[in-house]
């Protein structure tokens, strides 16, 4: 019985943890126009965001919003969004799985 318990604990420890997918952000529309709803770019030159690190995405979005990254298109697309909305967008895109490019 002890061996079975140890085996079960070992399996549980190495099993991948499935995090719940965050809710779709209400502000996703303009982002999705270029970066895709699931983070795979829809237009040439737009980067894929799927699976990017959460802290990187959050910092980058804040920098675009605040003008520290001077890209007029991104500043206009982000507009006046709250920190909570930026967090939702960053969580959404970081949780997406990048698709294999053909």
PDB file of N, CA and C in Angstrom:
ATOM      1  N   UNK A   1       0.830  -1.192   0.000  1.00  0.00           N
ATOM      2  CA  UNK A   1       0.000   0.000   0.000  1.00  0.00           C
ATOM      3  C   UNK A   1       0.873   1.254   0.000  1.00  0.00           C
ATOM      4  N   UNK A   2       1.952   1.213   0.758  1.00  0.00           N
ATOM      5  CA  UNK A   2       2.860   2.358   0.833  1.00  0.00           C
ATOM      6  C   UNK A   2       3.484   2.640  -0.532  1.00  0.00           C
ATOM      7  N   UNK A   3       3.842   1.594  -1.262  1.00  0.00           N
ATOM      8  CA  UNK A   3       4.449   1.751  -2.580  1.00  0.00           C
ATOM      9  C   UNK A   3       3.472   2.413  -3.553  1.00  0.00           C
ATOM     10  N   UNK A   4       2.211   2.021  -3.476  1.00  0.00           N
ATOM     11  CA  UNK A   4       1.189   2.617  -4.343  1.00  0.00           C
ATOM     12  C   UNK A   4       1.027   4.097  -4.018  1.00  0.00           C
ATOM     13  N   UNK A   5       1.020   4.438  -2.754  1.00  0.00           N
ATOM     14  CA  UNK A   5       0.892   5.830  -2.336  1.00  0.00           C
ATOM     15  C   UNK A   5       2.080   6.651  -2.820  1.00  0.00           C
ATOM     16  N   UNK A   6       3.271   6.136  -2.683  1.00  0.00           N
ATOM     17  CA  UNK A   6       4.470   6.844  -3.135  1.00  0.00           C
ATOM     18  C   UNK A   6       4.430   7.031  -4.649  1.00  0.00           C
ATOM     19  N   UNK A   7       4.028   5.988  -5.378  1.00  0.00           N
ATOM     20  CA  UNK A   7       3.926   6.086  -6.836  1.00  0.00           C
ATOM     21  C   UNK A   7       2.899   7.148  -7.246  1.00  0.00           C
ATOM     22  N   UNK A   8       1.781   7.181  -6.567  1.00  0.00           N
ATOM     23  CA  UNK A   8       0.739   8.164  -6.876  1.00  0.00           C
ATOM     24  C   UNK A   8       1.236   9.575  -6.610  1.00  0.00           C
ATOM     25  N   UNK A   9       1.941   9.783  -5.520  1.00  0.00           N
ATOM     26  CA  UNK A   9       2.482  11.108  -5.207  1.00  0.00           C
ATOM     27  C   UNK A   9       3.523  11.531  -6.230  1.00  0.00           C
ATOM     28  N   UNK A  10       4.343  10.596  -6.683  1.00  0.00           N
ATOM     29  CA  UNK A  10       5.349  10.898  -7.703  1.00  0.00           C
ATOM     30  C   UNK A  10       4.688  11.300  -9.014  1.00  0.00           C
ATOM     31  N   UNK A  11       3.661  10.585  -9.411  1.00  0.00           N
ATOM     32  CA  UNK A  11       2.943  10.921 -10.635  1.00  0.00           C
ATOM     33  C   UNK A  11       2.282  12.288 -10.535  1.00  0.00           C
ATOM     34  N   UNK A  12       1.703  12.575  -9.397  1.00  0.00           N
ATOM     35  CA  UNK A  12       1.052  13.866  -9.198  1.00  0.00           C
ATOM     36  C   UNK A  12       2.067  14.999  -9.253  1.00  0.00           C
ATOM     37  N   UNK A  13       3.269  14.753  -8.771  1.00  0.00           N
ATOM     38  CA  UNK A  13       4.301  15.782  -8.747  1.00  0.00           C
ATOM     39  C   UNK A  13       4.819  16.110 -10.142  1.00  0.00           C
ATOM     40  N   UNK A  14       4.844  15.132 -11.036  1.00  0.00           N
ATOM     41  CA  UNK A  14       5.377  15.378 -12.370  1.00  0.00           C
ATOM     42  C   UNK A  14       4.305  15.664 -13.407  1.00  0.00           C
ATOM     43  N   UNK A  15       3.050  15.508 -13.061  1.00  0.00           N
ATOM     44  CA  UNK A  15       1.963  15.785 -14.006  1.00  0.00           C
ATOM     45  C   UNK A  15       1.912  17.280 -14.276  1.00  0.00           C
ATOM     46  N   UNK A  16       1.676  17.668 -15.528  1.00  0.00           N
ATOM     47  CA  UNK A  16       1.609  19.096 -15.831  1.00  0.00           C
ATOM     48  C   UNK A  16       0.423  19.740 -15.125  1.00  0.00           C
ATOM     49  N   UNK A  17       0.646  20.928 -14.635  1.00  0.00           N
ATOM     50  CA  UNK A  17      -0.412  21.674 -13.971  1.00  0.00           C
ATOM     51  C   UNK A  17      -1.161  22.446 -15.047  1.00  0.00           C
ATOM     52  N   UNK A  18      -2.452  22.232 -15.118  1.00  0.00           N
ATOM     53  CA  UNK A  18      -3.267  22.912 -16.111  1.00  0.00           C
ATOM     54  C   UNK A  18      -3.911  24.135 -15.473  1.00  0.00           C
ATOM     55  N   UNK A  19      -3.427  25.279 -15.853  1.00  0.00           N
ATOM     56  CA  UNK A  19      -4.012  26.513 -15.352  1.00  0.00           C
ATOM     57  C   UNK A  19      -5.254  26.822 -16.183  1.00  0.00           C
ATOM     58  N   UNK A  20      -6.201  27.439 -15.555  1.00  0.00           N
ATOM     59  CA  UNK A  20      -7.400  27.831 -16.282  1.00  0.00           C
ATOM     60  C   UNK A  20      -7.073  28.967 -17.235  1.00  0.00           C
ATOM     61  N   UNK A  21      -7.698  28.917 -18.398  1.00  0.00           N
ATOM     62  CA  UNK A  21      -7.517  29.988 -19.374  1.00  0.00           C
ATOM     63  C   UNK A  21      -8.185  31.240 -18.822  1.00  0.00           C
ATOM     64  N   UNK A  22      -7.482  32.375 -18.859  1.00  0.00           N
ATOM     65  CA  UNK A  22      -8.109  33.602 -18.373  1.00  0.00           C
ATOM     66  C   UNK A  22      -9.303  33.985 -19.253  1.00  0.00           C
ATOM     67  N   UNK A  23     -10.172  34.771 -18.689  1.00  0.00           N
ATOM     68  CA  UNK A  23     -11.341  35.241 -19.437  1.00  0.00           C
ATOM     69  C   UNK A  23     -10.892  36.133 -20.593  1.00  0.00           C
ATOM     70  N   UNK A  24     -11.639  36.080 -21.691  1.00  0.00           N
ATOM     71  CA  UNK A  24     -11.328  36.911 -22.853  1.00  0.00           C
ATOM     72  C   UNK A  24     -11.497  38.375 -22.454  1.00  0.00           C
ATOM     73  N   UNK A  25     -10.446  39.188 -22.623  1.00  0.00           N
ATOM     74  CA  UNK A  25     -10.544  40.603 -22.232  1.00  0.00           C
ATOM     75  C   UNK A  25     -11.541  41.374 -23.091  1.00  0.00           C
ATOM     76  N   UNK A  26     -12.258  42.269 -22.475  1.00  0.00           N
ATOM     77  CA  UNK A  26     -13.208  43.102 -23.211  1.00  0.00           C
ATOM     78  C   UNK A  26     -12.493  43.995 -24.215  1.00  0.00           C
ATOM     79  N   UNK A  27     -11.258  44.379 -23.924  1.00  0.00           N
ATOM     80  CA  UNK A  27     -10.496  45.290 -24.788  1.00  0.00           C
ATOM     81  C   UNK A  27      -9.677  44.565 -25.862  1.00  0.00           C
ATOM     82  N   UNK A  28      -9.963  43.323 -26.131  1.00  0.00           N
ATOM     83  CA  UNK A  28      -9.153  42.519 -27.051  1.00  0.00           C
ATOM     84  C   UNK A  28      -9.307  42.936 -28.509  1.00  0.00           C
ATOM     85  N   UNK A  29     -10.415  43.556 -28.876  1.00  0.00           N
ATOM     86  CA  UNK A  29     -10.739  43.840 -30.268  1.00  0.00           C
ATOM     87  C   UNK A  29      -9.649  44.477 -31.096  1.00  0.00           C
ATOM     88  N   UNK A  30      -9.155  45.649 -30.688  1.00  0.00           N
ATOM     89  CA  UNK A  30      -8.128  46.319 -31.469  1.00  0.00           C
ATOM     90  C   UNK A  30      -6.829  45.533 -31.475  1.00  0.00           C
ATOM     91  N   UNK A  31      -6.491  44.900 -30.390  1.00  0.00           N
ATOM     92  CA  UNK A  31      -5.268  44.084 -30.334  1.00  0.00           C
ATOM     93  C   UNK A  31      -5.370  42.944 -31.346  1.00  0.00           C
ATOM     94  N   UNK A  32      -6.531  42.290 -31.348  1.00  0.00           N
ATOM     95  CA  UNK A  32      -6.738  41.125 -32.204  1.00  0.00           C
ATOM     96  C   UNK A  32      -6.701  41.482 -33.681  1.00  0.00           C
ATOM     97  N   UNK A  33      -7.009  42.719 -34.025  1.00  0.00           N
ATOM     98  CA  UNK A  33      -6.986  43.126 -35.424  1.00  0.00           C
ATOM     99  C   UNK A  33      -5.603  42.916 -36.039  1.00  0.00           C
ATOM    100  N   UNK A  34      -4.558  43.144 -35.273  1.00  0.00           N
ATOM    101  CA  UNK A  34      -3.186  42.973 -35.777  1.00  0.00           C
ATOM    102  C   UNK A  34      -2.522  41.697 -35.248  1.00  0.00           C
ATOM    103  N   UNK A  35      -2.712  41.431 -33.948  1.00  0.00           N
ATOM    104  CA  UNK A  35      -1.997  40.327 -33.296  1.00  0.00           C
ATOM    105  C   UNK A  35      -2.800  39.032 -33.243  1.00  0.00           C
ATOM    106  N   UNK A  36      -4.041  39.057 -33.693  1.00  0.00           N
ATOM    107  CA  UNK A  36      -4.894  37.876 -33.665  1.00  0.00           C
ATOM    108  C   UNK A  36      -5.505  37.656 -32.296  1.00  0.00           C
ATOM    109  N   UNK A  37      -6.693  37.103 -32.273  1.00  0.00           N
ATOM    110  CA  UNK A  37      -7.378  36.862 -30.993  1.00  0.00           C
ATOM    111  C   UNK A  37      -6.570  35.934 -30.105  1.00  0.00           C
ATOM    112  N   UNK A  38      -5.872  34.986 -30.709  1.00  0.00           N
ATOM    113  CA  UNK A  38      -5.099  34.026 -29.923  1.00  0.00           C
ATOM    114  C   UNK A  38      -3.598  34.280 -30.003  1.00  0.00           C
ATOM    115  N   UNK A  39      -3.232  35.501 -30.427  1.00  0.00           N
ATOM    116  CA  UNK A  39      -1.843  35.914 -30.368  1.00  0.00           C
ATOM    117  C   UNK A  39      -0.980  35.581 -31.557  1.00  0.00           C
ATOM    118  N   UNK A  40      -1.584  35.108 -32.631  1.00  0.00           N
ATOM    119  CA  UNK A  40      -0.824  34.840 -33.846  1.00  0.00           C
ATOM    120  C   UNK A  40      -1.121  35.968 -34.839  1.00  0.00           C
ATOM    121  N   UNK A  41      -0.081  36.687 -35.246  1.00  0.00           N
ATOM    122  CA  UNK A  41      -0.209  37.907 -36.040  1.00  0.00           C
ATOM    123  C   UNK A  41      -1.091  37.718 -37.266  1.00  0.00           C
ATOM    124  N   UNK A  42      -1.888  38.733 -37.520  1.00  0.00           N
ATOM    125  CA  UNK A  42      -2.811  38.735 -38.650  1.00  0.00           C
ATOM    126  C   UNK A  42      -2.287  39.555 -39.819  1.00  0.00           C
ATOM    127  N   UNK A  43      -1.287  40.404 -39.573  1.00  0.00           N
ATOM    128  CA  UNK A  43      -0.740  41.250 -40.633  1.00  0.00           C
ATOM    129  C   UNK A  43       0.779  41.158 -40.603  1.00  0.00           C
ATOM    130  N   UNK A  44       1.417  41.360 -41.756  1.00  0.00           N
ATOM    131  CA  UNK A  44       2.885  41.334 -41.781  1.00  0.00           C
ATOM    132  C   UNK A  44       3.480  42.409 -40.878  1.00  0.00           C
ATOM    133  N   UNK A  45       4.522  42.055 -40.170  1.00  0.00           N
ATOM    134  CA  UNK A  45       5.211  43.006 -39.309  1.00  0.00           C
ATOM    135  C   UNK A  45       4.709  43.035 -37.874  1.00  0.00           C
ATOM    136  N   UNK A  46       3.528  42.521 -37.631  1.00  0.00           N
ATOM    137  CA  UNK A  46       3.004  42.477 -36.257  1.00  0.00           C
ATOM    138  C   UNK A  46       3.566  41.231 -35.572  1.00  0.00           C
ATOM    139  N   UNK A  47       4.085  41.377 -34.367  1.00  0.00           N
ATOM    140  CA  UNK A  47       4.653  40.202 -33.695  1.00  0.00           C
ATOM    141  C   UNK A  47       3.583  39.271 -33.140  1.00  0.00           C
ATOM    142  N   UNK A  48       3.922  38.001 -33.068  1.00  0.00           N
ATOM    143  CA  UNK A  48       3.070  37.030 -32.384  1.00  0.00           C
ATOM    144  C   UNK A  48       3.202  37.260 -30.882  1.00  0.00           C
ATOM    145  N   UNK A  49       2.083  37.276 -30.186  1.00  0.00           N
ATOM    146  CA  UNK A  49       2.088  37.492 -28.739  1.00  0.00           C
ATOM    147  C   UNK A  49       1.792  36.222 -27.949  1.00  0.00           C
ATOM    148  N   UNK A  50       1.299  35.205 -28.616  1.00  0.00           N
ATOM    149  CA  UNK A  50       0.928  33.961 -27.936  1.00  0.00           C
ATOM    150  C   UNK A  50       2.123  33.371 -27.205  1.00  0.00           C
ATOM    151  N   UNK A  51       1.932  33.111 -25.927  1.00  0.00           N
ATOM    152  CA  UNK A  51       2.949  32.448 -25.136  1.00  0.00           C
ATOM    153  C   UNK A  51       4.088  33.335 -24.667  1.00  0.00           C
ATOM    154  N   UNK A  52       4.026  34.632 -24.941  1.00  0.00           N
ATOM    155  CA  UNK A  52       5.073  35.529 -24.442  1.00  0.00           C
ATOM    156  C   UNK A  52       4.992  35.590 -22.911  1.00  0.00           C
ATOM    157  N   UNK A  53       6.087  35.939 -22.290  1.00  0.00           N
ATOM    158  CA  UNK A  53       6.127  36.022 -20.820  1.00  0.00           C
ATOM    159  C   UNK A  53       5.180  37.116 -20.324  1.00  0.00           C
ATOM    160  N   UNK A  54       4.438  36.787 -19.283  1.00  0.00           N
ATOM    161  CA  UNK A  54       3.461  37.707 -18.712  1.00  0.00           C
ATOM    162  C   UNK A  54       4.105  39.028 -18.305  1.00  0.00           C
ATOM    163  N   UNK A  55       5.229  38.981 -17.601  1.00  0.00           N
ATOM    164  CA  UNK A  55       5.850  40.215 -17.124  1.00  0.00           C
ATOM    165  C   UNK A  55       6.326  41.083 -18.284  1.00  0.00           C
ATOM    166  N   UNK A  56       6.811  40.451 -19.352  1.00  0.00           N
ATOM    167  CA  UNK A  56       7.238  41.212 -20.533  1.00  0.00           C
ATOM    168  C   UNK A  56       6.045  41.908 -21.185  1.00  0.00           C
ATOM    169  N   UNK A  57       4.969  41.157 -21.416  1.00  0.00           N
ATOM    170  CA  UNK A  57       3.790  41.745 -22.056  1.00  0.00           C
ATOM    171  C   UNK A  57       3.215  42.885 -21.231  1.00  0.00           C
ATOM    172  N   UNK A  58       3.124  42.680 -19.941  1.00  0.00           N
ATOM    173  CA  UNK A  58       2.557  43.719 -19.062  1.00  0.00           C
ATOM    174  C   UNK A  58       3.401  44.983 -19.106  1.00  0.00           C
ATOM    175  N   UNK A  59       4.716  44.824 -19.033  1.00  0.00           N
ATOM    176  CA  UNK A  59       5.614  45.985 -19.076  1.00  0.00           C
ATOM    177  C   UNK A  59       5.529  46.688 -20.432  1.00  0.00           C
ATOM    178  N   UNK A  60       5.535  45.913 -21.520  1.00  0.00           N
ATOM    179  CA  UNK A  60       5.485  46.506 -22.854  1.00  0.00           C
ATOM    180  C   UNK A  60       4.186  47.277 -23.069  1.00  0.00           C
ATOM    181  N   UNK A  61       3.066  46.698 -22.672  1.00  0.00           N
ATOM    182  CA  UNK A  61       1.786  47.385 -22.831  1.00  0.00           C
ATOM    183  C   UNK A  61       1.754  48.694 -22.047  1.00  0.00           C
ATOM    184  N   UNK A  62       2.269  48.657 -20.829  1.00  0.00           N
ATOM    185  CA  UNK A  62       2.338  49.880 -20.029  1.00  0.00           C
ATOM    186  C   UNK A  62       3.221  50.935 -20.671  1.00  0.00           C
ATOM    187  N   UNK A  63       4.331  50.513 -21.264  1.00  0.00           N
ATOM    188  CA  UNK A  63       5.237  51.446 -21.921  1.00  0.00           C
ATOM    189  C   UNK A  63       4.608  52.063 -23.165  1.00  0.00           C
ATOM    190  N   UNK A  64       3.848  51.284 -23.929  1.00  0.00           N
ATOM    191  CA  UNK A  64       3.133  51.844 -25.078  1.00  0.00           C
ATOM    192  C   UNK A  64       2.091  52.846 -24.604  1.00  0.00           C
ATOM    193  N   UNK A  65       1.327  52.474 -23.605  1.00  0.00           N
ATOM    194  CA  UNK A  65       0.271  53.357 -23.094  1.00  0.00           C
ATOM    195  C   UNK A  65       0.843  54.668 -22.577  1.00  0.00           C
ATOM    196  N   UNK A  66       1.960  54.585 -21.843  1.00  0.00           N
ATOM    197  CA  UNK A  66       2.538  55.766 -21.205  1.00  0.00           C
ATOM    198  C   UNK A  66       3.460  56.563 -22.122  1.00  0.00           C
ATOM    199  N   UNK A  67       3.720  56.057 -23.337  1.00  0.00           N
ATOM    200  CA  UNK A  67       4.560  56.772 -24.280  1.00  0.00           C
ATOM    201  C   UNK A  67       6.047  56.505 -24.151  1.00  0.00           C
ATOM    202  N   UNK A  68       6.453  55.597 -23.254  1.00  0.00           N
ATOM    203  CA  UNK A  68       7.878  55.271 -23.124  1.00  0.00           C
ATOM    204  C   UNK A  68       8.362  54.465 -24.317  1.00  0.00           C
ATOM    205  N   UNK A  69       7.458  53.774 -24.993  1.00  0.00           N
ATOM    206  CA  UNK A  69       7.738  53.169 -26.296  1.00  0.00           C
ATOM    207  C   UNK A  69       6.954  54.019 -27.284  1.00  0.00           C
ATOM    208  N   UNK A  70       7.667  54.735 -28.114  1.00  0.00           N
ATOM    209  CA  UNK A  70       7.047  55.724 -28.985  1.00  0.00           C
ATOM    210  C   UNK A  70       6.635  55.107 -30.316  1.00  0.00           C
ATOM    211  N   UNK A  71       5.504  54.415 -30.293  1.00  0.00           N
ATOM    212  CA  UNK A  71       4.932  53.831 -31.504  1.00  0.00           C
ATOM    213  C   UNK A  71       3.488  54.325 -31.562  1.00  0.00           C
ATOM    214  N   UNK A  72       3.259  55.267 -32.481  1.00  0.00           N
ATOM    215  CA  UNK A  72       1.959  55.941 -32.532  1.00  0.00           C
ATOM    216  C   UNK A  72       0.799  54.962 -32.691  1.00  0.00           C
ATOM    217  N   UNK A  73       0.959  53.954 -33.554  1.00  0.00           N
ATOM    218  CA  UNK A  73      -0.118  52.984 -33.771  1.00  0.00           C
ATOM    219  C   UNK A  73      -0.471  52.254 -32.482  1.00  0.00           C
ATOM    220  N   UNK A  74       0.547  51.819 -31.737  1.00  0.00           N
ATOM    221  CA  UNK A  74       0.282  51.102 -30.483  1.00  0.00           C
ATOM    222  C   UNK A  74      -0.332  52.029 -29.436  1.00  0.00           C
ATOM    223  N   UNK A  75       0.168  53.241 -29.331  1.00  0.00           N
ATOM    224  CA  UNK A  75      -0.399  54.187 -28.361  1.00  0.00           C
ATOM    225  C   UNK A  75      -1.864  54.453 -28.672  1.00  0.00           C
ATOM    226  N   UNK A  76      -2.182  54.599 -29.959  1.00  0.00           N
ATOM    227  CA  UNK A  76      -3.575  54.829 -30.351  1.00  0.00           C
ATOM    228  C   UNK A  76      -4.431  53.597 -30.099  1.00  0.00           C
ATOM    229  N   UNK A  77      -3.895  52.420 -30.388  1.00  0.00           N
ATOM    230  CA  UNK A  77      -4.664  51.188 -30.199  1.00  0.00           C
ATOM    231  C   UNK A  77      -4.937  50.913 -28.728  1.00  0.00           C
ATOM    232  N   UNK A  78      -3.950  51.162 -27.890  1.00  0.00           N
ATOM    233  CA  UNK A  78      -4.135  50.915 -26.456  1.00  0.00           C
ATOM    234  C   UNK A  78      -5.021  51.982 -25.839  1.00  0.00           C
ATOM    235  N   UNK A  79      -4.775  53.238 -26.189  1.00  0.00           N
ATOM    236  CA  UNK A  79      -5.585  54.327 -25.672  1.00  0.00           C
ATOM    237  C   UNK A  79      -5.513  54.416 -24.150  1.00  0.00           C
ATOM    238  N   UNK A  80      -6.520  55.009 -23.553  1.00  0.00           N
ATOM    239  CA  UNK A  80      -6.522  55.181 -22.091  1.00  0.00           C
ATOM    240  C   UNK A  80      -7.085  53.934 -21.393  1.00  0.00           C
ATOM    241  N   UNK A  81      -6.234  52.939 -21.188  1.00  0.00           N
ATOM    242  CA  UNK A  81      -6.681  51.728 -20.506  1.00  0.00           C
ATOM    243  C   UNK A  81      -6.113  51.696 -19.095  1.00  0.00           C
ATOM    244  N   UNK A  82      -6.824  51.052 -18.234  1.00  0.00           N
ATOM    245  CA  UNK A  82      -6.401  50.940 -16.835  1.00  0.00           C
ATOM    246  C   UNK A  82      -5.328  49.866 -16.683  1.00  0.00           C
ATOM    247  N   UNK A  83      -4.667  49.883 -15.538  1.00  0.00           N
ATOM    248  CA  UNK A  83      -3.696  48.836 -15.224  1.00  0.00           C
ATOM    249  C   UNK A  83      -4.369  47.467 -15.223  1.00  0.00           C
ATOM    250  N   UNK A  84      -5.598  47.400 -14.718  1.00  0.00           N
ATOM    251  CA  UNK A  84      -6.324  46.122 -14.678  1.00  0.00           C
ATOM    252  C   UNK A  84      -6.582  45.599 -16.089  1.00  0.00           C
ATOM    253  N   UNK A  85      -6.938  46.493 -17.013  1.00  0.00           N
ATOM    254  CA  UNK A  85      -7.173  46.077 -18.399  1.00  0.00           C
ATOM    255  C   UNK A  85      -5.876  45.610 -19.063  1.00  0.00           C
ATOM    256  N   UNK A  86      -4.765  46.297 -18.774  1.00  0.00           N
ATOM    257  CA  UNK A  86      -3.470  45.857 -19.312  1.00  0.00           C
ATOM    258  C   UNK A  86      -3.113  44.486 -18.769  1.00  0.00           C
ATOM    259  N   UNK A  87      -3.388  44.269 -17.486  1.00  0.00           N
ATOM    260  CA  UNK A  87      -3.131  42.951 -16.889  1.00  0.00           C
ATOM    261  C   UNK A  87      -3.944  41.865 -17.587  1.00  0.00           C
ATOM    262  N   UNK A  88      -5.216  42.158 -17.864  1.00  0.00           N
ATOM    263  CA  UNK A  88      -6.073  41.171 -18.539  1.00  0.00           C
ATOM    264  C   UNK A  88      -5.539  40.827 -19.920  1.00  0.00           C
ATOM    265  N   UNK A  89      -5.125  41.829 -20.670  1.00  0.00           N
ATOM    266  CA  UNK A  89      -4.579  41.586 -22.007  1.00  0.00           C
ATOM    267  C   UNK A  89      -3.292  40.774 -21.936  1.00  0.00           C
ATOM    268  N   UNK A  90      -2.409  41.138 -21.024  1.00  0.00           N
ATOM    269  CA  UNK A  90      -1.136  40.420 -20.885  1.00  0.00           C
ATOM    270  C   UNK A  90      -1.381  38.974 -20.463  1.00  0.00           C
ATOM    271  N   UNK A  91      -2.287  38.765 -19.521  1.00  0.00           N
ATOM    272  CA  UNK A  91      -2.601  37.399 -19.078  1.00  0.00           C
ATOM    273  C   UNK A  91      -3.196  36.577 -20.221  1.00  0.00           C
ATOM    274  N   UNK A  92      -4.083  37.189 -21.001  1.00  0.00           N
ATOM    275  CA  UNK A  92      -4.720  36.486 -22.117  1.00  0.00           C
ATOM    276  C   UNK A  92      -3.670  35.997 -23.113  1.00  0.00           C
ATOM    277  N   UNK A  93      -2.843  36.923 -23.586  1.00  0.00           N
ATOM    278  CA  UNK A  93      -1.876  36.550 -24.617  1.00  0.00           C
ATOM    279  C   UNK A  93      -0.789  35.624 -24.081  1.00  0.00           C
ATOM    280  N   UNK A  94      -0.368  35.802 -22.854  1.00  0.00           N
ATOM    281  CA  UNK A  94       0.670  34.910 -22.324  1.00  0.00           C
ATOM    282  C   UNK A  94       0.148  33.492 -22.126  1.00  0.00           C
ATOM    283  N   UNK A  95      -1.161  33.339 -21.938  1.00  0.00           N
ATOM    284  CA  UNK A  95      -1.755  32.016 -21.718  1.00  0.00           C
ATOM    285  C   UNK A  95      -2.037  31.266 -23.021  1.00  0.00           C
ATOM    286  N   UNK A  96      -1.940  31.958 -24.161  1.00  0.00           N
ATOM    287  CA  UNK A  96      -2.228  31.326 -25.445  1.00  0.00           C
ATOM    288  C   UNK A  96      -1.051  30.440 -25.880  1.00  0.00           C
ATOM    289  N   UNK A  97      -1.355  29.407 -26.604  1.00  0.00           N
ATOM    290  CA  UNK A  97      -0.323  28.510 -27.132  1.00  0.00           C
ATOM    291  C   UNK A  97       0.022  28.942 -28.546  1.00  0.00           C
ATOM    292  N   UNK A  98       1.300  29.216 -28.805  1.00  0.00           N
ATOM    293  CA  UNK A  98       1.680  29.629 -30.170  1.00  0.00           C
ATOM    294  C   UNK A  98       1.374  28.505 -31.164  1.00  0.00           C
ATOM    295  N   UNK A  99       0.835  28.905 -32.304  1.00  0.00           N
ATOM    296  CA  UNK A  99       0.546  27.945 -33.374  1.00  0.00           C
ATOM    297  C   UNK A  99       1.809  27.723 -34.193  1.00  0.00           C
ATOM    298  N   UNK A 100       1.924  26.567 -34.767  1.00  0.00           N
ATOM    299  CA  UNK A 100       3.060  26.260 -35.627  1.00  0.00           C
ATOM    300  C   UNK A 100       2.859  26.994 -36.951  1.00  0.00           C
ATOM    301  N   UNK A 101       3.849  27.768 -37.352  1.00  0.00           N
ATOM    302  CA  UNK A 101       3.779  28.501 -38.613  1.00  0.00           C
ATOM    303  C   UNK A 101       4.091  27.556 -39.775  1.00  0.00           C
ATOM    304  N   UNK A 102       3.342  27.643 -40.879  1.00  0.00           N
ATOM    305  CA  UNK A 102       3.621  26.767 -42.034  1.00  0.00           C
ATOM    306  C   UNK A 102       4.934  27.137 -42.711  1.00  0.00           C
TER     307      UNK A 102
END
